[in-house]
Amino acid sequence: MIVVTGATGNIGRTLVQVLTEAGEEVTAVSRRPHSEPPAPGARRAVADPGNAAGMRPVLEGADALFVLLGGELNGHGESPDALVDVARDAGVKRIVLLSSQINSTRPEAPSHARLRAFETAVRGSGLDFTVLRPGGFASNAFAWAESVRTRRTVFAPFADVALPVVDPADIAEVAAAALREDGHAGRTYELTGPEAISPRRQAAVIAEALGEEVAFVELSREDAHAHMAQFMAPEVIGGTLDVLGVPLPAEVEIGPDVRRVLHRPARPFADWVARNLPAFR
């Protein structure tokens, strides 16, 4: 049995579907009750990976665990060793952790200290582990959905800075492989899309899919900071803007790991838009 935390998000929902379609028994864990029925073959459970004692009954009988920290759990909480210890005691043999590319490109970034602590915990667990370090997500474009629907306009900073954003579905499929297959233990995979694409070009891709013009308005760094402060922790915003505006060479590189694990190219941004177009109509 495989336990998936963050099971109702962009990655977790797809991961549960991929695993159940492969015939796996899955427990889909979310921190709050969810009205959406689970995928066939999955059972839903309410538990918090930030509360290891509460995860104990969910993990009993599990062989593998996918760890995704959501929201405030990225910033604070009990020791990562608590969750790892409970998982080991429950009989879990394999952990796959969703981390971030920033932990390799900017290893001292304060915003990702907790994820680094989780990496340390799983590496020292004595269990088989795989660490996933994706770059920016294609699904961050959901932040533009309302303005595209209502004003056919995208507002974003750093209009022409291109980054190889990764499709969350690719992250989910790599996670499924690491959870199910041998050969991934001890590996760290850096996951990117197949091409570097700027916010201006992303807006053009959305426009092409809609068959309508979509304007692009470039925000200043200050305006972008104020907007992001509405939904992001203050300690995360500065580092995020640094990556978006002045990426390091390693942050614009197109990595081979999606192809290496899945034996196919990573999905381009246009594929993500096509699957999620109703959000922008």
Protein backbone atom coordinates (compact mmCIF):
# COMPACT_ATOMS: atom_id res chain seq x y z
CA MET A 1 0.00 0.00 0.00
CA ILE A 2 1.21 3.49 -0.87
CA VAL A 3 0.35 6.59 1.19
CA VAL A 4 0.20 9.88 -0.71
CA THR A 5 0.15 13.13 1.24
CA GLY A 6 -1.03 16.32 -0.43
CA ALA A 7 -3.40 14.10 -2.37
CA THR A 8 -5.83 16.83 -3.47
CA GLY A 9 -3.23 19.18 -5.02
CA ASN A 10 -1.86 19.56 -8.52
CA ILE A 11 0.70 16.79 -8.03
CA GLY A 12 -1.03 14.54 -5.50
CA ARG A 13 -4.30 14.19 -7.37
CA THR A 14 -2.49 13.03 -10.52
CA LEU A 15 -0.16 10.79 -8.53
CA VAL A 16 -3.09 8.98 -6.90
CA GLN A 17 -4.66 8.43 -10.32
CA VAL A 18 -1.42 7.13 -11.86
CA LEU A 19 -0.86 4.73 -8.97
CA THR A 20 -4.41 3.36 -8.90
CA GLU A 21 -4.44 2.90 -12.67
CA ALA A 22 -1.29 0.83 -12.22
CA GLY A 23 -3.17 -1.40 -9.78
CA GLU A 24 -1.69 -0.05 -6.55
CA GLU A 25 -3.62 0.20 -3.31
CA VAL A 26 -3.45 3.86 -2.31
CA THR A 27 -4.37 5.94 0.73
CA ALA A 28 -4.92 9.53 -0.39
CA VAL A 29 -4.17 11.84 2.54
CA SER A 30 -5.31 15.44 2.82
CA ARG A 31 -5.15 17.79 5.76
CA ARG A 32 -8.83 18.70 5.49
CA PRO A 33 -11.96 16.77 4.48
CA HIS A 34 -12.51 16.80 0.74
CA SER A 35 -15.82 16.36 -1.07
CA GLU A 36 -14.31 14.99 -4.27
CA PRO A 37 -14.52 11.19 -4.34
CA PRO A 38 -11.18 9.39 -4.44
CA ALA A 39 -9.98 7.64 -7.57
CA PRO A 40 -11.21 4.04 -7.91
CA GLY A 41 -8.89 1.86 -5.88
CA ALA A 42 -7.98 4.61 -3.41
CA ARG A 43 -9.30 5.40 0.03
CA ARG A 44 -9.30 8.90 1.44
CA ALA A 45 -7.92 9.81 4.87
CA VAL A 46 -7.66 13.09 6.75
CA ALA A 47 -4.30 13.50 8.46
CA ASP A 48 -1.53 16.06 8.73
CA PRO A 49 2.07 15.17 7.80
CA GLY A 50 3.06 17.94 10.22
CA ASN A 51 1.59 15.85 13.05
CA ALA A 52 3.46 12.56 13.04
CA ALA A 53 1.33 10.98 15.77
CA GLY A 54 -1.78 11.64 13.69
CA MET A 55 -0.15 10.00 10.67
CA ARG A 56 0.58 6.78 12.56
CA PRO A 57 -2.76 5.00 11.90
CA VAL A 58 -2.68 6.06 8.24
CA LEU A 59 0.78 4.56 7.76
CA GLU A 60 0.07 1.17 9.33
CA GLY A 61 0.56 -1.48 6.66
CA ALA A 62 2.05 0.94 4.12
CA ASP A 63 5.04 -0.01 2.02
CA ALA A 64 5.81 3.44 0.60
CA LEU A 65 5.14 7.09 1.45
CA PHE A 66 5.06 10.22 -0.71
CA VAL A 67 5.76 13.35 1.34
CA LEU A 68 4.55 16.73 0.13
CA LEU A 69 4.64 19.68 2.51
CA GLY A 70 1.89 22.17 1.86
CA GLY A 71 1.46 25.77 2.90
CA GLU A 72 2.75 26.66 6.32
CA LEU A 73 4.35 23.22 6.78
CA ASN A 74 7.12 24.46 4.50
CA GLY A 75 8.00 27.06 7.12
CA HIS A 76 7.63 25.50 10.55
CA GLY A 77 6.47 22.49 12.52
CA GLU A 78 7.76 19.52 14.47
CA SER A 79 11.03 17.86 13.62
CA PRO A 80 11.06 16.03 10.26
CA ASP A 81 12.55 13.08 12.13
CA ALA A 82 9.19 12.59 13.87
CA LEU A 83 7.41 11.70 10.62
CA VAL A 84 10.30 9.57 9.41
CA ASP A 85 10.40 7.65 12.70
CA VAL A 86 6.65 6.98 12.62
CA ALA A 87 6.87 5.81 9.01
CA ARG A 88 9.74 3.44 9.82
CA ASP A 89 7.95 2.08 12.88
CA ALA A 90 4.83 1.46 10.76
CA GLY A 91 6.81 -0.69 8.34
CA VAL A 92 7.29 1.78 5.49
CA LYS A 93 10.25 0.73 3.35
CA ARG A 94 10.41 3.60 0.84
CA ILE A 95 9.96 7.39 1.05
CA VAL A 96 9.73 9.81 -1.87
CA LEU A 97 10.09 13.46 -0.83
CA LEU A 98 9.01 16.43 -2.94
CA SER A 99 11.68 19.07 -2.35
CA SER A 100 12.81 21.96 -4.59
CA GLN A 101 15.51 22.76 -7.12
CA ILE A 102 16.45 25.73 -4.94
CA ASN A 103 18.02 23.31 -2.47
CA SER A 104 20.69 22.55 -5.04
CA THR A 105 21.01 25.94 -6.75
CA ARG A 106 20.70 28.13 -3.62
CA PRO A 107 21.54 25.80 -0.72
CA GLU A 108 21.59 28.56 1.87
CA ALA A 109 18.20 30.06 0.98
CA PRO A 110 16.33 30.68 4.27
CA SER A 111 12.97 30.07 2.58
CA HIS A 112 13.80 26.39 1.98
CA ALA A 113 15.52 25.52 5.26
CA ARG A 114 12.69 23.24 6.34
CA LEU A 115 12.73 21.31 3.09
CA ARG A 116 16.47 20.86 3.55
CA ALA A 117 15.79 19.50 7.02
CA PHE A 118 13.34 16.98 5.55
CA GLU A 119 15.94 15.97 2.96
CA THR A 120 18.43 15.35 5.75
CA ALA A 121 15.87 13.30 7.69
CA VAL A 122 14.94 11.00 4.81
CA ARG A 123 18.58 10.57 3.76
CA GLY A 124 19.44 9.46 7.28
CA SER A 125 16.35 7.31 7.77
CA GLY A 126 17.87 3.97 6.77
CA LEU A 127 14.94 3.54 4.35
CA ASP A 128 15.03 3.59 0.58
CA PHE A 129 14.49 7.20 -0.40
CA THR A 130 14.21 9.37 -3.49
CA VAL A 131 14.28 13.17 -3.45
CA LEU A 132 12.50 15.12 -6.20
CA ARG A 133 13.72 18.67 -6.82
CA PRO A 134 11.48 20.33 -9.41
CA GLY A 135 11.97 23.84 -10.71
CA GLY A 136 9.07 26.23 -11.24
CA PHE A 137 5.68 24.66 -11.95
CA ALA A 138 3.69 25.21 -15.14
CA SER A 139 0.65 25.32 -12.87
CA ASN A 140 1.83 28.61 -11.36
CA ALA A 141 0.05 30.07 -14.40
CA PHE A 142 -3.22 29.39 -12.56
CA ALA A 143 -2.43 32.69 -10.79
CA TRP A 144 -3.35 34.40 -14.07
CA ALA A 145 -6.59 32.53 -14.62
CA GLU A 146 -8.97 35.13 -13.21
CA SER A 147 -7.41 38.07 -15.05
CA VAL A 148 -7.39 36.07 -18.29
CA ARG A 149 -11.05 35.10 -17.86
CA THR A 150 -12.24 38.58 -16.93
CA ARG A 151 -9.85 40.90 -18.78
CA ARG A 152 -7.92 38.70 -21.21
CA THR A 153 -4.75 40.03 -19.58
CA VAL A 154 -1.75 38.48 -17.85
CA PHE A 155 0.01 40.53 -15.17
CA ALA A 156 3.50 39.27 -14.29
CA PRO A 157 7.02 40.51 -13.56
CA PHE A 158 10.18 39.77 -15.55
CA ALA A 159 8.35 39.46 -18.87
CA ASP A 160 11.21 38.03 -20.90
CA VAL A 161 13.11 35.93 -18.35
CA ALA A 162 12.70 32.33 -19.50
CA LEU A 163 12.73 29.30 -17.18
CA PRO A 164 12.05 25.61 -17.97
CA VAL A 165 8.82 25.23 -15.99
CA VAL A 166 7.80 21.64 -15.30
CA ASP A 167 4.35 20.10 -15.69
CA PRO A 168 3.06 18.79 -12.33
CA ALA A 169 1.85 15.70 -14.17
CA ASP A 170 5.46 14.87 -15.01
CA ILE A 171 6.42 15.31 -11.36
CA ALA A 172 3.60 12.93 -10.40
CA GLU A 173 4.69 10.31 -12.92
CA VAL A 174 8.31 10.46 -11.74
CA ALA A 175 7.06 10.12 -8.15
CA ALA A 176 4.97 7.09 -9.13
CA ALA A 177 8.00 5.44 -10.72
CA ALA A 178 10.11 6.07 -7.61
CA LEU A 179 7.38 4.73 -5.34
CA ARG A 180 6.72 1.57 -7.36
CA GLU A 181 9.98 0.61 -9.06
CA ASP A 182 13.40 -0.50 -7.95
CA GLY A 183 16.44 1.45 -9.08
CA HIS A 184 15.56 4.87 -7.65
CA ALA A 185 16.81 4.45 -4.08
CA GLY A 186 19.30 7.10 -3.02
CA ARG A 187 18.64 9.20 -6.13
CA THR A 188 17.94 12.93 -6.31
CA TYR A 189 16.09 13.98 -9.45
CA GLU A 190 16.01 17.58 -10.66
CA LEU A 191 12.87 17.98 -12.74
CA THR A 192 12.36 20.62 -15.42
CA GLY A 193 10.32 21.16 -18.53
CA PRO A 194 11.73 20.62 -22.03
CA GLU A 195 12.18 24.29 -22.88
CA ALA A 196 12.80 27.62 -21.20
CA ILE A 197 9.73 29.80 -21.60
CA SER A 198 9.16 33.39 -20.47
CA PRO A 199 5.98 34.78 -18.89
CA ARG A 200 5.30 36.76 -22.05
CA ARG A 201 5.57 33.61 -24.15
CA GLN A 202 3.39 31.69 -21.68
CA ALA A 203 0.70 34.33 -22.12
CA ALA A 204 1.00 33.92 -25.90
CA VAL A 205 0.58 30.14 -25.57
CA ILE A 206 -2.59 30.67 -23.53
CA ALA A 207 -3.85 33.12 -26.16
CA GLU A 208 -3.17 30.62 -28.95
CA ALA A 209 -5.08 27.93 -27.09
CA LEU A 210 -8.03 30.25 -26.48
CA GLY A 211 -8.00 31.55 -30.03
CA GLU A 212 -8.21 35.08 -28.64
CA GLU A 213 -5.79 37.89 -27.91
CA VAL A 214 -4.38 38.02 -24.39
CA ALA A 215 -2.56 41.20 -23.38
CA PHE A 216 0.59 41.10 -21.25
CA VAL A 217 1.30 43.75 -18.60
CA GLU A 218 4.72 43.62 -16.95
CA LEU A 219 4.69 44.25 -13.20
CA SER A 220 7.52 45.90 -11.31
CA ARG A 221 9.27 43.79 -8.70
CA GLU A 222 7.59 45.91 -6.01
CA ASP A 223 4.11 45.36 -7.44
CA ALA A 224 4.79 41.65 -7.83
CA HIS A 225 5.94 41.48 -4.20
CA ALA A 226 2.74 43.14 -3.01
CA HIS A 227 0.61 40.73 -5.05
CA MET A 228 2.47 37.63 -3.85
CA ALA A 229 2.19 38.77 -0.24
CA GLN A 230 -1.53 38.01 -0.46
CA PHE A 231 -0.92 34.25 -0.67
CA MET A 232 2.77 33.53 0.09
CA ALA A 233 4.76 33.56 3.31
CA PRO A 234 6.88 36.73 3.57
CA GLU A 235 10.15 34.80 3.91
CA VAL A 236 9.51 33.02 0.60
CA ILE A 237 8.68 36.00 -1.61
CA GLY A 238 12.12 37.58 -1.96
CA GLY A 239 13.82 34.34 -2.92
CA THR A 240 11.07 33.48 -5.39
CA LEU A 241 11.42 36.85 -7.09
CA ASP A 242 15.19 36.38 -7.25
CA VAL A 243 14.75 33.09 -9.12
CA LEU A 244 12.12 34.56 -11.45
CA GLY A 245 14.06 37.73 -12.18
CA VAL A 246 17.75 36.85 -11.91
CA PRO A 247 17.99 33.07 -12.28
CA LEU A 248 21.30 31.33 -11.83
CA PRO A 249 22.72 29.41 -14.81
CA ALA A 250 21.66 26.09 -13.26
CA GLU A 251 18.08 27.37 -12.94
CA VAL A 252 17.70 27.90 -16.68
CA GLU A 253 19.21 24.56 -17.67
CA ILE A 254 16.95 21.88 -19.11
CA GLY A 255 17.50 18.78 -17.02
CA PRO A 256 17.50 15.18 -18.29
CA ASP A 257 15.84 13.47 -15.33
CA VAL A 258 12.21 13.46 -16.53
CA ARG A 259 13.30 11.75 -19.74
CA ARG A 260 15.69 9.48 -17.85
CA VAL A 261 12.97 8.19 -15.50
CA LEU A 262 9.93 8.21 -17.81
CA HIS A 263 11.71 7.30 -21.08
CA ARG A 264 9.98 10.14 -22.91
CA PRO A 265 10.45 13.91 -23.17
CA ALA A 266 9.04 16.22 -20.54
CA ARG A 267 5.72 17.80 -21.47
CA PRO A 268 5.88 21.36 -22.87
CA PHE A 269 3.92 24.24 -21.33
CA ALA A 270 1.44 24.08 -24.21
CA ASP A 271 0.38 20.59 -23.13
CA TRP A 272 -0.36 21.82 -19.62
CA VAL A 273 -2.41 24.72 -21.03
CA ALA A 274 -4.41 22.41 -23.30
CA ARG A 275 -5.39 20.18 -20.35
CA ASN A 276 -6.29 23.14 -18.13
CA LEU A 277 -7.82 25.51 -20.66
CA PRO A 278 -11.26 25.66 -18.95
CA ALA A 279 -9.63 27.59 -16.09
CA PHE A 280 -8.82 30.44 -18.52
CA ARG A 281 -12.04 30.56 -20.57
